[in-house]
Amino acid sequence: MPRKYQTSIGSFTRKSSFFWAALGATVGLANLWQFPYLASQHGGGLFILLYLACLLLVTLPLMVTETVFGRHARHGIVLAMAGYVKTAGSHPLWRLAGPLSIVAAFLVLSFTVVFGGIVLAYIFYGATGQFGGSGEHSAGRVLTNLVADPGNYREFMAWHVFFLLLVVLVSVRGVVSGVERSVRILVPFTLMLMVGLFLLSVAGGQVGAGVEQILESRPEQLGFGSIRAAFFHAFYTLGLGMGVWAIFGAYAAPGTRLKRSILAVVLMDTLFAIGAGLMMFSVAGGGLDSERGFGLLFVSLPDTLSVLPYSQAIIAAVFLLVVLIVWATSIALLEPLVGWFREWVGAPRRFSVGVMAIGVWLAGLATLFSFNLWSEYHPAGASLFRWLELISGGILIPLVGILISAFTGWCLTRKYANLLLGHATAPLRKYWYWVLRFVVPLVVAWIGLQYTVFSLANVCETSHSAIWCGRDQSVIEDQPVQDEPRGGDIQYDNE
């Protein structure tokens, strides 16, 4: 392995850059379209406490492990895992955690940029007053015309390419001039914009609706479903299992306090999710009760905002916030792909970014066309997007989490694992090691299995052609959600 603080693929120049880059990777769409709903339906403030407990039990130990793997090896996840498996003298199959991470990042990025294109279009539509709240100007009709109309797919493709170019323009400039500089500007500006929108909602006098939905404790709403929802949200919304934390660990500047930075990222991400929920429910005056997911962000929210004074500016500002979030997430997801390609073939960064961008664009077309031109094409009963989502969220990401945690807990010696962890108190070392050994693999396996079951059941809600679908399918209320909608053809013509 290379010497400490030496990496051939780039390094940050400031200690705080790791924090900003990691925060940009973790603050995703689920903070806007999933967390507010979960908090409102599962006990408000009590759900937030439950979510934090799930973070401490599963997410934080796995985040720290992925990060220190990258930092100690000074490589992306593929070469890092290969080096650790060789050092431990373990079976070569453990190395699969690296390539599977890259495939997961590739698939998730491919459909993330598609939805980034939708968000970009919404900024334009909002600023030009195309949301009218009803009829042809309802957000549902606007969304259908953009996404699901087979005759209008070229406009959808144009927004898709536009957003991908924004990501590429940052990445192609390099780790320091591109990624580091952009996240140090982009992420703080996103936070300031969110605070500004929240203050606007407070000035509107409806903040009570947000506090009631998000922060007020309602013990009667807590149940096993609440625990399940908290675990799912804690695992799927922080960029685990895709090599992001490993590559940022490799980039981290000398002297960066990784464990403290990771804890700060998790807390800030939670505060952002709470603030986003307060902002959305406050602006809407409580009009978004029981709304979540894709429909909340792209249909209900624009329709609700369109009746407010200065609605054009407000809608444009809200979706500017959203596009900044997706932009930062996409920049982070592209990094493990570029780092892996550079280490694999020794190619210059510009060439590597170009190759990966073309691949992401081509893969993204499968998602894009599954909403319009290929909307009737359902291999094995599901659209291409649903299969991409199921493979990444239900199989690859959990499998990577299981492999990394089990490898650390069962294949590495306690001494070597403590060396990777770095400075920590004895109780923290023991907690981290034993949680990775016994708790994380089992919990992540359960999460992945539940995600797969829910995804397959969701296919049956709209189509019974799949072989696993029976005649009667019940609606599953709290299926796990990543930072993407729960796939399928987008049809909101009747809104």
Protein backbone atom coordinates (compact mmCIF):
# COMPACT_ATOMS: atom_id res chain seq x y z
CA MET A 1 0.00 0.00 0.00
CA PRO A 2 1.15 3.58 -0.58
CA ARG A 3 2.64 5.63 2.16
CA LYS A 4 0.38 7.57 4.49
CA TYR A 5 -1.25 10.66 2.96
CA GLN A 6 -0.07 9.69 -0.52
CA THR A 7 -2.60 9.06 -3.26
CA SER A 8 -2.28 8.98 -7.01
CA ILE A 9 -5.82 10.13 -7.71
CA GLY A 10 -5.96 13.38 -5.76
CA SER A 11 -6.23 14.88 -2.28
CA PHE A 12 -8.09 17.69 -0.57
CA THR A 13 -5.99 20.63 0.58
CA ARG A 14 -8.06 21.63 3.63
CA LYS A 15 -9.18 19.62 6.62
CA SER A 16 -12.76 20.91 6.47
CA SER A 17 -13.20 19.86 2.84
CA PHE A 18 -13.95 16.28 3.89
CA PHE A 19 -16.87 17.55 5.99
CA TRP A 20 -18.35 19.63 3.17
CA ALA A 21 -17.90 16.89 0.57
CA ALA A 22 -19.42 14.24 2.83
CA LEU A 23 -22.32 16.51 3.76
CA GLY A 24 -23.01 17.15 0.10
CA ALA A 25 -23.11 13.40 -0.48
CA THR A 26 -25.50 12.68 2.39
CA VAL A 27 -28.03 15.50 2.01
CA GLY A 28 -30.23 13.93 -0.64
CA LEU A 29 -33.75 14.02 -1.99
CA ALA A 30 -34.98 11.69 0.76
CA ASN A 31 -34.41 14.55 3.21
CA LEU A 32 -37.13 16.42 1.32
CA TRP A 33 -39.58 13.81 0.15
CA GLN A 34 -39.27 10.98 2.67
CA PHE A 35 -38.08 12.18 6.09
CA PRO A 36 -40.89 14.75 6.59
CA TYR A 37 -43.51 12.10 5.81
CA LEU A 38 -41.91 9.51 8.10
CA ALA A 39 -41.67 11.97 10.99
CA SER A 40 -45.28 13.10 10.53
CA GLN A 41 -46.60 9.52 10.44
CA HIS A 42 -44.41 7.88 13.10
CA GLY A 43 -44.50 9.99 16.20
CA GLY A 44 -42.88 13.29 15.21
CA GLY A 45 -40.05 14.06 17.60
CA LEU A 46 -40.00 10.49 18.92
CA PHE A 47 -39.29 9.20 15.42
CA ILE A 48 -36.34 11.58 15.19
CA LEU A 49 -34.90 10.10 18.39
CA LEU A 50 -35.50 6.60 17.04
CA TYR A 51 -33.78 7.52 13.80
CA LEU A 52 -30.75 8.86 15.67
CA ALA A 53 -30.54 5.59 17.62
CA CYS A 54 -30.51 3.64 14.34
CA LEU A 55 -27.73 5.88 13.07
CA LEU A 56 -25.60 5.12 16.13
CA LEU A 57 -26.27 1.38 15.94
CA VAL A 58 -25.73 0.70 12.24
CA THR A 59 -24.94 3.69 10.07
CA LEU A 60 -22.12 5.39 11.96
CA PRO A 61 -19.98 2.25 12.46
CA LEU A 62 -20.30 1.39 8.77
CA MET A 63 -19.59 4.96 7.65
CA VAL A 64 -16.47 5.09 9.80
CA THR A 65 -15.30 1.72 8.44
CA GLU A 66 -15.69 2.69 4.78
CA THR A 67 -13.94 6.00 5.40
CA VAL A 68 -10.94 4.63 7.29
CA PHE A 69 -10.56 1.94 4.63
CA GLY A 70 -10.06 4.66 2.04
CA ARG A 71 -7.92 6.86 4.25
CA HIS A 72 -5.50 4.16 5.37
CA ALA A 73 -5.12 2.66 1.88
CA ARG A 74 -5.16 6.05 0.09
CA HIS A 75 -7.11 4.34 -2.69
CA GLY A 76 -10.67 3.97 -3.83
CA ILE A 77 -12.75 1.12 -2.48
CA VAL A 78 -11.68 -1.46 -5.11
CA LEU A 79 -7.92 -1.30 -4.51
CA ALA A 80 -8.45 -0.68 -0.80
CA MET A 81 -10.45 -3.89 -0.35
CA ALA A 82 -7.99 -5.83 -2.50
CA GLY A 83 -5.14 -4.66 -0.27
CA TYR A 84 -6.90 -5.47 3.00
CA VAL A 85 -7.97 -8.92 1.80
CA LYS A 86 -4.38 -9.68 0.83
CA THR A 87 -3.07 -8.37 4.15
CA ALA A 88 -5.56 -10.49 6.10
CA GLY A 89 -4.89 -13.56 3.97
CA SER A 90 -8.64 -13.98 3.46
CA HIS A 91 -10.61 -15.56 0.63
CA PRO A 92 -10.52 -13.46 -2.59
CA LEU A 93 -14.33 -13.30 -2.67
CA TRP A 94 -14.19 -10.62 0.04
CA ARG A 95 -12.73 -8.34 -2.64
CA LEU A 96 -16.13 -8.28 -4.33
CA ALA A 97 -17.16 -5.48 -1.97
CA GLY A 98 -15.07 -3.10 -4.08
CA PRO A 99 -16.44 -3.81 -7.58
CA LEU A 100 -20.00 -4.15 -6.25
CA SER A 101 -19.68 -0.67 -4.70
CA ILE A 102 -18.69 0.76 -8.08
CA VAL A 103 -21.60 -0.93 -9.86
CA ALA A 104 -24.02 0.35 -7.20
CA ALA A 105 -22.69 3.91 -7.51
CA PHE A 106 -22.95 3.71 -11.30
CA LEU A 107 -26.57 2.54 -11.26
CA VAL A 108 -27.70 5.03 -8.62
CA LEU A 109 -25.95 7.90 -10.39
CA SER A 110 -27.51 6.89 -13.71
CA PHE A 111 -31.03 7.52 -12.45
CA THR A 112 -30.11 10.34 -10.08
CA VAL A 113 -29.06 12.54 -13.01
CA VAL A 114 -32.37 11.76 -14.73
CA PHE A 115 -34.28 13.19 -11.78
CA GLY A 116 -31.80 16.05 -11.64
CA GLY A 117 -32.98 16.93 -15.13
CA ILE A 118 -36.59 17.03 -13.92
CA VAL A 119 -35.63 19.36 -11.08
CA LEU A 120 -33.79 21.68 -13.48
CA ALA A 121 -36.88 21.82 -15.67
CA TYR A 122 -39.00 22.68 -12.62
CA ILE A 123 -36.86 25.72 -11.87
CA PHE A 124 -37.60 26.99 -15.37
CA TYR A 125 -41.28 26.09 -15.18
CA GLY A 126 -41.66 27.73 -11.78
CA ALA A 127 -39.86 30.94 -12.77
CA THR A 128 -41.97 31.27 -15.94
CA GLY A 129 -45.28 30.69 -14.16
CA GLN A 130 -46.21 27.36 -15.72
CA PHE A 131 -47.67 26.00 -12.48
CA GLY A 132 -51.25 27.12 -12.03
CA GLY A 133 -52.60 24.69 -9.46
CA SER A 134 -55.35 23.14 -11.62
CA GLY A 135 -56.22 22.03 -15.13
CA GLU A 136 -53.52 22.06 -17.77
CA HIS A 137 -51.25 24.07 -15.48
CA SER A 138 -51.37 21.62 -12.59
CA ALA A 139 -48.02 20.19 -11.60
CA GLY A 140 -49.28 16.70 -12.39
CA ARG A 141 -50.07 17.63 -15.97
CA VAL A 142 -46.78 19.52 -16.37
CA LEU A 143 -44.86 16.52 -15.04
CA THR A 144 -46.70 14.11 -17.32
CA ASN A 145 -46.04 16.27 -20.37
CA LEU A 146 -42.33 16.42 -19.54
CA VAL A 147 -41.67 12.86 -18.43
CA ALA A 148 -44.38 10.49 -19.64
CA ASP A 149 -45.37 11.91 -23.04
CA PRO A 150 -43.69 9.73 -25.72
CA GLY A 151 -43.84 12.65 -28.14
CA ASN A 152 -41.94 14.95 -25.79
CA TYR A 153 -39.04 12.75 -24.75
CA ARG A 154 -36.47 14.94 -26.53
CA GLU A 155 -37.08 17.81 -24.10
CA PHE A 156 -36.69 15.38 -21.21
CA MET A 157 -33.42 14.16 -22.75
CA ALA A 158 -32.21 17.75 -23.11
CA TRP A 159 -32.74 18.48 -19.40
CA HIS A 160 -31.06 15.16 -18.59
CA VAL A 161 -27.98 16.06 -20.62
CA PHE A 162 -27.93 19.60 -19.22
CA PHE A 163 -27.83 18.35 -15.64
CA LEU A 164 -25.17 15.73 -16.41
CA LEU A 165 -23.01 18.43 -17.99
CA LEU A 166 -23.23 20.46 -14.77
CA VAL A 167 -21.84 17.47 -12.88
CA VAL A 168 -19.12 16.82 -15.46
CA LEU A 169 -18.00 20.47 -15.52
CA VAL A 170 -17.18 20.21 -11.81
CA SER A 171 -15.55 16.79 -11.88
CA VAL A 172 -13.38 17.41 -14.93
CA ARG A 173 -11.59 20.27 -13.15
CA GLY A 174 -10.03 17.85 -10.68
CA VAL A 175 -10.21 17.03 -6.99
CA VAL A 176 -8.98 20.41 -5.75
CA SER A 177 -10.15 22.91 -8.38
CA GLY A 178 -13.35 21.01 -9.12
CA VAL A 179 -14.73 18.85 -6.33
CA GLU A 180 -13.17 20.54 -3.31
CA ARG A 181 -13.82 24.09 -4.45
CA SER A 182 -17.38 23.35 -5.56
CA VAL A 183 -18.49 21.62 -2.35
CA ARG A 184 -17.00 24.39 -0.23
CA ILE A 185 -19.24 26.85 -2.10
CA LEU A 186 -22.20 24.73 -3.11
CA VAL A 187 -23.02 23.03 0.19
CA PRO A 188 -22.87 26.15 2.43
CA PHE A 189 -24.99 28.03 -0.13
CA THR A 190 -27.52 25.19 -0.07
CA LEU A 191 -27.71 25.41 3.72
CA MET A 192 -28.14 29.19 3.60
CA LEU A 193 -30.88 28.89 0.98
CA MET A 194 -32.68 26.32 3.13
CA VAL A 195 -32.46 28.62 6.15
CA GLY A 196 -33.76 31.50 4.05
CA LEU A 197 -36.76 29.48 2.87
CA PHE A 198 -37.43 28.37 6.44
CA LEU A 199 -37.36 31.98 7.67
CA LEU A 200 -39.74 32.85 4.83
CA SER A 201 -42.14 30.19 6.05
CA VAL A 202 -41.84 31.54 9.60
CA ALA A 203 -42.61 35.04 8.34
CA GLY A 204 -45.72 33.61 6.67
CA GLY A 205 -47.09 32.74 10.08
CA GLN A 206 -47.69 29.03 9.43
CA VAL A 207 -44.67 27.52 11.14
CA GLY A 208 -46.98 25.89 13.68
CA ALA A 209 -48.10 23.39 11.07
CA GLY A 210 -44.51 22.29 10.53
CA VAL A 211 -43.74 22.03 14.24
CA GLU A 212 -46.89 19.98 14.82
CA GLN A 213 -46.04 17.51 12.06
CA ILE A 214 -42.28 17.15 12.58
CA LEU A 215 -41.40 17.91 16.21
CA GLU A 216 -44.48 17.23 18.32
CA SER A 217 -44.20 13.85 20.04
CA ARG A 218 -47.03 11.36 19.42
CA PRO A 219 -46.27 8.06 21.22
CA GLU A 220 -49.44 6.41 19.92
CA GLN A 221 -48.00 6.44 16.39
CA LEU A 222 -44.90 4.44 17.28
CA GLY A 223 -44.76 0.76 16.39
CA PHE A 224 -42.66 -1.86 14.68
CA GLY A 225 -43.25 -0.07 11.39
CA SER A 226 -41.59 3.00 12.90
CA ILE A 227 -38.47 1.00 13.80
CA ARG A 228 -38.35 -0.46 10.31
CA ALA A 229 -38.78 2.94 8.67
CA ALA A 230 -36.05 4.46 10.86
CA PHE A 231 -33.57 1.71 9.98
CA PHE A 232 -34.34 1.99 6.27
CA HIS A 233 -33.95 5.76 6.24
CA ALA A 234 -30.75 5.61 8.30
CA PHE A 235 -29.18 3.06 5.96
CA TYR A 236 -30.26 4.25 2.52
CA THR A 237 -29.90 8.02 2.74
CA LEU A 238 -26.26 8.49 3.69
CA GLY A 239 -24.41 7.15 0.66
CA LEU A 240 -23.29 3.83 2.14
CA GLY A 241 -22.22 0.90 -0.01
CA MET A 242 -21.20 2.94 -3.06
CA GLY A 243 -17.55 3.76 -2.41
CA VAL A 244 -18.26 7.44 -1.69
CA TRP A 245 -16.98 7.40 1.89
CA ALA A 246 -13.88 5.45 0.90
CA ILE A 247 -12.91 7.86 -1.87
CA PHE A 248 -13.47 10.90 0.35
CA GLY A 249 -11.43 9.18 3.05
CA ALA A 250 -8.64 8.75 0.50
CA TYR A 251 -8.91 12.43 -0.42
CA ALA A 252 -8.94 13.66 3.20
CA ALA A 253 -6.18 16.13 4.02
CA PRO A 254 -3.57 15.24 6.66
CA GLY A 255 -4.82 15.96 10.16
CA THR A 256 -8.51 15.62 9.29
CA ARG A 257 -10.41 14.25 12.27
CA LEU A 258 -12.52 11.76 10.37
CA LYS A 259 -14.64 10.32 13.17
CA ARG A 260 -15.53 13.75 14.51
CA SER A 261 -16.27 14.98 10.99
CA ILE A 262 -18.49 11.97 10.26
CA LEU A 263 -20.48 12.56 13.44
CA ALA A 264 -20.88 16.22 12.49
CA VAL A 265 -22.06 15.22 9.01
CA VAL A 266 -24.70 12.86 10.42
CA LEU A 267 -25.99 15.47 12.85
CA MET A 268 -26.03 18.20 10.20
CA ASP A 269 -27.83 15.91 7.76
CA THR A 270 -30.48 15.22 10.41
CA LEU A 271 -30.87 18.93 11.17
CA PHE A 272 -31.23 19.61 7.45
CA ALA A 273 -33.95 16.97 7.15
CA ILE A 274 -35.80 18.44 10.13
CA GLY A 275 -35.45 21.96 8.73
CA ALA A 276 -36.64 20.81 5.31
CA GLY A 277 -39.69 19.19 6.85
CA LEU A 278 -40.50 22.28 8.90
CA MET A 279 -40.06 24.47 5.82
CA MET A 280 -42.24 22.34 3.55
CA PHE A 281 -45.09 21.83 6.01
CA SER A 282 -44.94 25.47 7.11
CA VAL A 283 -45.01 26.89 3.58
CA ALA A 284 -47.87 24.56 2.69
CA GLY A 285 -49.73 25.35 5.90
CA GLY A 286 -50.11 21.67 6.71
CA GLY A 287 -51.55 20.96 3.26
CA LEU A 288 -49.10 18.14 2.61
CA ASP A 289 -50.40 15.75 5.27
CA SER A 290 -49.82 12.10 4.35
CA GLU A 291 -47.91 13.09 1.22
CA ARG A 292 -44.49 11.69 0.43
CA GLY A 293 -42.08 10.67 -2.28
CA PHE A 294 -42.06 11.65 -5.91
CA GLY A 295 -45.63 12.93 -5.83
CA LEU A 296 -44.92 15.17 -2.83
CA LEU A 297 -41.95 16.92 -4.40
CA PHE A 298 -43.05 17.16 -8.02
CA VAL A 299 -46.85 17.35 -7.79
CA SER A 300 -48.31 18.32 -4.40
CA LEU A 301 -45.65 20.86 -3.42
CA PRO A 302 -45.71 22.92 -6.68
CA ASP A 303 -49.52 22.92 -6.71
CA THR A 304 -49.60 24.10 -3.10
CA LEU A 305 -46.98 26.80 -3.66
CA SER A 306 -48.61 28.06 -6.86
CA VAL A 307 -51.45 29.73 -4.92
CA LEU A 308 -49.11 31.76 -2.71
CA PRO A 309 -48.13 35.39 -3.38
CA TYR A 310 -44.94 35.63 -5.44
CA SER A 311 -45.38 31.95 -6.25
CA GLN A 312 -43.06 32.04 -9.26
CA ALA A 313 -40.10 33.21 -7.18
CA ILE A 314 -40.92 30.83 -4.32
CA ILE A 315 -41.23 27.76 -6.56
CA ALA A 316 -38.03 28.65 -8.40
CA ALA A 317 -36.19 29.10 -5.08
CA VAL A 318 -37.47 25.81 -3.67
CA PHE A 319 -36.40 23.85 -6.73
CA LEU A 320 -33.09 25.69 -6.85
CA LEU A 321 -32.54 24.24 -3.38
CA VAL A 322 -33.48 20.80 -4.69
CA VAL A 323 -31.20 21.01 -7.72
CA LEU A 324 -28.27 22.05 -5.53
CA ILE A 325 -28.90 18.99 -3.36
CA VAL A 326 -29.03 16.62 -6.33
CA TRP A 327 -26.01 18.31 -7.91
CA ALA A 328 -23.85 17.80 -4.82
CA THR A 329 -25.02 14.20 -4.51
CA SER A 330 -24.22 13.49 -8.16
CA ILE A 331 -20.76 15.02 -7.88
CA ALA A 332 -20.08 12.73 -4.92
CA LEU A 333 -21.39 9.63 -6.71
CA LEU A 334 -19.22 10.28 -9.76
CA GLU A 335 -16.00 10.39 -7.71
CA PRO A 336 -15.69 6.67 -6.87
CA LEU A 337 -16.32 5.87 -10.55
CA VAL A 338 -13.65 8.27 -11.78
CA GLY A 339 -11.19 7.19 -9.09
CA TRP A 340 -11.70 3.53 -9.90
CA PHE A 341 -11.24 4.06 -13.66
CA ARG A 342 -8.07 6.09 -13.12
CA GLU A 343 -6.58 3.45 -10.85
CA TRP A 344 -7.66 0.64 -13.18
CA VAL A 345 -6.26 1.93 -16.48
CA GLY A 346 -4.01 4.80 -15.35
CA ALA A 347 -5.95 7.26 -17.51
CA PRO A 348 -5.90 11.07 -17.07
CA ARG A 349 -8.76 12.52 -15.07
CA ARG A 350 -10.42 14.32 -18.00
CA PHE A 351 -10.54 11.14 -20.05
CA SER A 352 -11.82 9.14 -17.07
CA VAL A 353 -14.58 11.65 -16.38
CA GLY A 354 -15.60 11.59 -20.03
CA VAL A 355 -15.78 7.81 -20.20
CA MET A 356 -17.76 7.54 -16.98
CA ALA A 357 -20.12 10.37 -18.00
CA ILE A 358 -20.91 8.68 -21.31
CA GLY A 359 -21.59 5.42 -19.51
CA VAL A 360 -23.83 7.14 -16.95
CA TRP A 361 -25.70 8.95 -19.73
CA LEU A 362 -26.33 5.75 -21.68
CA ALA A 363 -27.47 3.88 -18.57
CA GLY A 364 -29.66 6.84 -17.63
CA LEU A 365 -31.52 6.52 -20.92
CA ALA A 366 -32.92 3.21 -19.67
CA THR A 367 -34.56 5.07 -16.78
CA LEU A 368 -35.62 8.00 -18.93
CA PHE A 369 -37.21 5.87 -21.65
CA SER A 370 -38.92 3.61 -19.09
CA PHE A 371 -41.23 6.55 -18.36
CA ASN A 372 -42.23 7.22 -21.98
CA LEU A 373 -41.00 5.36 -25.09
CA TRP A 374 -40.50 2.09 -23.23
CA SER A 375 -43.34 2.52 -20.74
CA GLU A 376 -45.04 -0.63 -22.05
CA TYR A 377 -41.84 -2.67 -21.86
CA HIS A 378 -41.85 -4.52 -18.55
CA PRO A 379 -39.34 -7.39 -18.52
CA ALA A 380 -40.42 -9.91 -15.86
CA GLY A 381 -43.27 -7.58 -14.93
CA ALA A 382 -41.36 -4.41 -14.02
CA SER A 383 -39.98 -1.38 -15.86
CA LEU A 384 -36.26 -1.04 -16.47
CA PHE A 385 -36.04 1.69 -13.85
CA ARG A 386 -37.63 -0.50 -11.22
CA TRP A 387 -35.15 -3.27 -11.94
CA LEU A 388 -32.21 -0.86 -11.73
CA GLU A 389 -33.53 0.45 -8.43
CA LEU A 390 -34.15 -3.04 -7.06
CA ILE A 391 -30.71 -4.32 -8.07
CA SER A 392 -28.92 -1.32 -6.54
CA GLY A 393 -31.02 -0.79 -3.42
CA GLY A 394 -32.17 -4.30 -2.64
CA ILE A 395 -29.08 -6.31 -3.57
CA LEU A 396 -25.85 -4.41 -4.23
CA ILE A 397 -25.81 -1.77 -1.50
CA PRO A 398 -26.84 -4.14 1.33
CA LEU A 399 -24.43 -6.81 0.07
CA VAL A 400 -21.55 -4.33 0.14
CA GLY A 401 -22.48 -3.30 3.67
CA ILE A 402 -22.57 -6.94 4.78
CA LEU A 403 -19.23 -7.77 3.16
CA ILE A 404 -17.39 -4.75 4.58
CA SER A 405 -18.75 -5.12 8.11
CA ALA A 406 -18.32 -8.91 8.25
CA PHE A 407 -14.82 -8.70 6.78
CA THR A 408 -13.79 -6.12 9.37
CA GLY A 409 -15.30 -8.03 12.26
CA TRP A 410 -14.27 -11.56 11.30
CA CYS A 411 -11.22 -11.39 9.02
CA LEU A 412 -9.14 -8.53 10.39
CA THR A 413 -7.35 -8.97 13.68
CA ARG A 414 -8.39 -6.73 16.55
CA LYS A 415 -4.98 -5.08 16.45
CA TYR A 416 -5.15 -4.30 12.74
CA ALA A 417 -8.77 -3.14 12.97
CA ASN A 418 -7.82 -0.76 15.78
CA LEU A 419 -4.95 0.51 13.65
CA LEU A 420 -7.42 1.36 10.88
CA LEU A 421 -9.82 3.03 13.30
CA GLY A 422 -7.09 5.27 14.66
CA HIS A 423 -7.30 7.25 17.88
CA ALA A 424 -10.35 6.29 19.92
CA THR A 425 -11.24 5.39 23.49
CA ALA A 426 -11.20 1.72 24.50
CA PRO A 427 -15.02 1.51 24.89
CA LEU A 428 -15.49 3.06 21.45
CA ARG A 429 -13.05 0.60 19.89
CA LYS A 430 -14.86 -2.37 21.45
CA TYR A 431 -18.28 -1.04 20.47
CA TRP A 432 -17.23 -0.42 16.87
CA TYR A 433 -15.59 -3.83 16.49
CA TRP A 434 -18.35 -5.93 18.05
CA VAL A 435 -21.18 -4.06 16.34
CA LEU A 436 -19.51 -4.66 12.99
CA ARG A 437 -19.03 -8.30 13.88
CA PHE A 438 -22.48 -9.24 15.13
CA VAL A 439 -25.04 -6.47 14.63
CA VAL A 440 -24.42 -4.67 11.34
CA PRO A 441 -24.29 -7.74 9.03
CA LEU A 442 -27.57 -9.11 10.40
CA VAL A 443 -29.41 -5.79 10.40
CA VAL A 444 -28.22 -4.86 6.92
CA ALA A 445 -29.20 -8.30 5.60
CA TRP A 446 -32.68 -7.79 7.07
CA ILE A 447 -32.91 -4.31 5.54
CA GLY A 448 -31.88 -5.58 2.11
CA LEU A 449 -34.36 -8.46 2.27
CA GLN A 450 -37.19 -6.16 3.34
CA TYR A 451 -36.30 -3.67 0.61
CA THR A 452 -36.43 -6.41 -2.01
CA VAL A 453 -39.76 -7.76 -0.76
CA PHE A 454 -41.29 -4.30 -0.71
CA SER A 455 -39.95 -3.48 -4.17
CA LEU A 456 -41.41 -6.66 -5.64
CA ALA A 457 -44.72 -6.01 -3.90
CA ASN A 458 -44.80 -2.47 -5.28
CA VAL A 459 -44.48 -3.91 -8.78
CA CYS A 460 -47.62 -5.92 -8.10
CA GLU A 461 -49.53 -2.78 -7.07
CA THR A 462 -49.48 -1.55 -10.66
CA SER A 463 -48.96 -4.78 -12.60
CA HIS A 464 -49.90 -8.39 -11.91
CA SER A 465 -47.90 -9.80 -14.81
CA ALA A 466 -44.89 -10.71 -12.69
CA ILE A 467 -44.69 -14.35 -11.69
CA TRP A 468 -44.49 -13.52 -7.96
CA CYS A 469 -47.72 -11.48 -7.99
CA GLY A 470 -50.91 -12.95 -6.62
CA ARG A 471 -54.41 -11.70 -7.21
CA ASP A 472 -54.68 -9.67 -4.03
CA GLN A 473 -51.88 -7.27 -3.22
CA SER A 474 -51.98 -5.07 -0.15
CA VAL A 475 -50.42 -1.67 -0.21
CA ILE A 476 -47.26 -1.48 1.85
CA GLU A 477 -47.25 1.81 3.68
CA ASP A 478 -43.65 2.37 4.65
CA GLN A 479 -41.46 0.81 2.02
CA PRO A 480 -37.79 1.82 2.11
CA VAL A 481 -36.89 4.74 -0.06
CA GLN A 482 -33.54 5.81 -1.38
CA ASP A 483 -33.01 9.21 -2.92
CA GLU A 484 -35.09 8.24 -5.93
CA PRO A 485 -38.80 7.57 -6.48
CA ARG A 486 -40.16 4.10 -6.22
CA GLY A 487 -39.99 3.57 -9.98
CA GLY A 488 -42.61 3.00 -12.57
CA ASP A 489 -44.44 4.97 -15.19
CA ILE A 490 -45.23 8.50 -14.11
CA GLN A 491 -48.87 9.25 -14.83
CA TYR A 492 -50.48 12.26 -13.20
CA ASP A 493 -52.90 13.30 -15.94
CA ASN A 494 -55.83 13.13 -13.57
CA GLU A 495 -54.37 15.51 -11.02
